[in-house]
């Protein structure tokens, strides 16, 4: 399993926590430039993961429809929308 695919499977909360840790370390001003660049790259990947997870959650919420009986049901996501991400 590649490092990229492994990091993409990180839960949202864990990715956000790692991102916050990276930001705090970068803001400390104690890191050398090379380390800052590596942290920035990692943070960018984590930010993309968080953004994708939030977009997916928003899409699922938008797809909630009220059934005739008053129950909330999740409408299936069309394949076109899934491929656009």
Protein backbone atom coordinates (compact mmCIF):
# COMPACT_ATOMS: atom_id res chain seq x y z
CA UNK A 1 0.00 0.00 0.00
CA UNK A 2 1.44 3.36 -1.01
CA UNK A 3 1.82 6.21 1.43
CA UNK A 4 -0.69 8.34 -0.53
CA UNK A 5 -3.46 5.74 -0.42
CA UNK A 6 -2.75 5.05 3.24
CA UNK A 7 -3.10 8.72 4.17
CA UNK A 8 -6.32 9.02 2.15
CA UNK A 9 -7.93 6.39 4.40
CA UNK A 10 -7.33 8.46 7.54
CA UNK A 11 -10.57 9.36 9.36
CA UNK A 12 -11.57 13.04 9.15
CA UNK A 13 -11.02 13.70 12.85
CA UNK A 14 -7.53 12.17 12.78
CA UNK A 15 -6.55 14.10 9.64
CA UNK A 16 -7.80 17.35 11.19
CA UNK A 17 -5.88 16.70 14.41
CA UNK A 18 -2.67 15.98 12.46
CA UNK A 19 -3.23 19.15 10.44
CA UNK A 20 -3.65 21.21 13.61
CA UNK A 21 -0.43 19.73 15.01
CA UNK A 22 1.44 20.62 11.82
CA UNK A 23 0.12 24.20 11.91
CA UNK A 24 1.20 24.60 15.54
CA UNK A 25 4.68 23.27 14.75
CA UNK A 26 5.02 25.56 11.76
CA UNK A 27 3.85 28.59 13.74
CA UNK A 28 6.44 27.92 16.45
CA UNK A 29 9.17 29.24 14.17
CA UNK A 30 11.64 26.65 15.45
CA UNK A 31 11.73 24.44 12.35
CA UNK A 32 14.38 24.64 9.61
CA UNK A 33 13.21 25.55 6.11
CA UNK A 34 13.43 21.98 4.75
CA UNK A 35 11.27 20.69 7.60
CA UNK A 36 8.81 23.54 7.09
CA UNK A 37 8.46 22.62 3.43
CA UNK A 38 7.89 18.96 4.27
CA UNK A 39 5.29 19.90 6.90
CA UNK A 40 3.61 22.26 4.43
CA UNK A 41 3.38 19.47 1.85
CA UNK A 42 1.94 17.04 4.41
CA UNK A 43 -0.48 19.70 5.65
CA UNK A 44 -1.66 20.41 2.12
CA UNK A 45 -2.43 16.71 1.58
CA UNK A 46 -4.30 16.52 4.89
CA UNK A 47 -6.26 19.67 4.07
CA UNK A 48 -7.32 18.12 0.74
CA UNK A 49 -8.42 14.95 2.55
CA UNK A 50 -10.45 16.97 5.06
CA UNK A 51 -12.00 19.06 2.31
CA UNK A 52 -12.98 15.94 0.34
CA UNK A 53 -14.53 14.32 3.42
CA UNK A 54 -16.52 17.48 4.18
CA UNK A 55 -17.70 17.73 0.57
CA UNK A 56 -18.79 14.08 0.70
CA UNK A 57 -20.69 14.67 3.95
CA UNK A 58 -22.35 17.76 2.48
CA UNK A 59 -23.40 15.79 -0.60
CA UNK A 60 -24.93 13.06 1.57
CA UNK A 61 -26.81 15.63 3.62
CA UNK A 62 -28.12 17.28 0.45
CA UNK A 63 -29.32 13.89 -0.78
CA UNK A 64 -31.48 13.32 2.29
CA UNK A 65 -35.08 13.27 1.22
CA UNK A 66 -38.22 12.95 3.22
CA UNK A 67 -40.12 9.79 2.37
CA UNK A 68 -43.90 9.79 2.02
CA UNK A 69 -44.29 8.37 5.53
CA UNK A 70 -42.23 11.14 7.08
CA UNK A 71 -39.07 9.04 7.46
CA UNK A 72 -35.71 10.45 6.46
CA UNK A 73 -34.04 8.34 3.79
CA UNK A 74 -30.72 8.70 2.02
CA UNK A 75 -31.16 9.00 -1.73
CA UNK A 76 -28.52 7.15 -3.76
CA UNK A 77 -25.75 9.32 -5.16
CA UNK A 78 -25.73 9.37 -8.94
CA UNK A 79 -22.53 7.98 -10.57
CA UNK A 80 -21.94 11.31 -12.35
CA UNK A 81 -21.62 13.14 -9.02
CA UNK A 82 -19.29 10.54 -7.54
CA UNK A 83 -16.92 10.71 -10.51
CA UNK A 84 -16.79 14.52 -10.41
CA UNK A 85 -14.97 14.53 -7.06
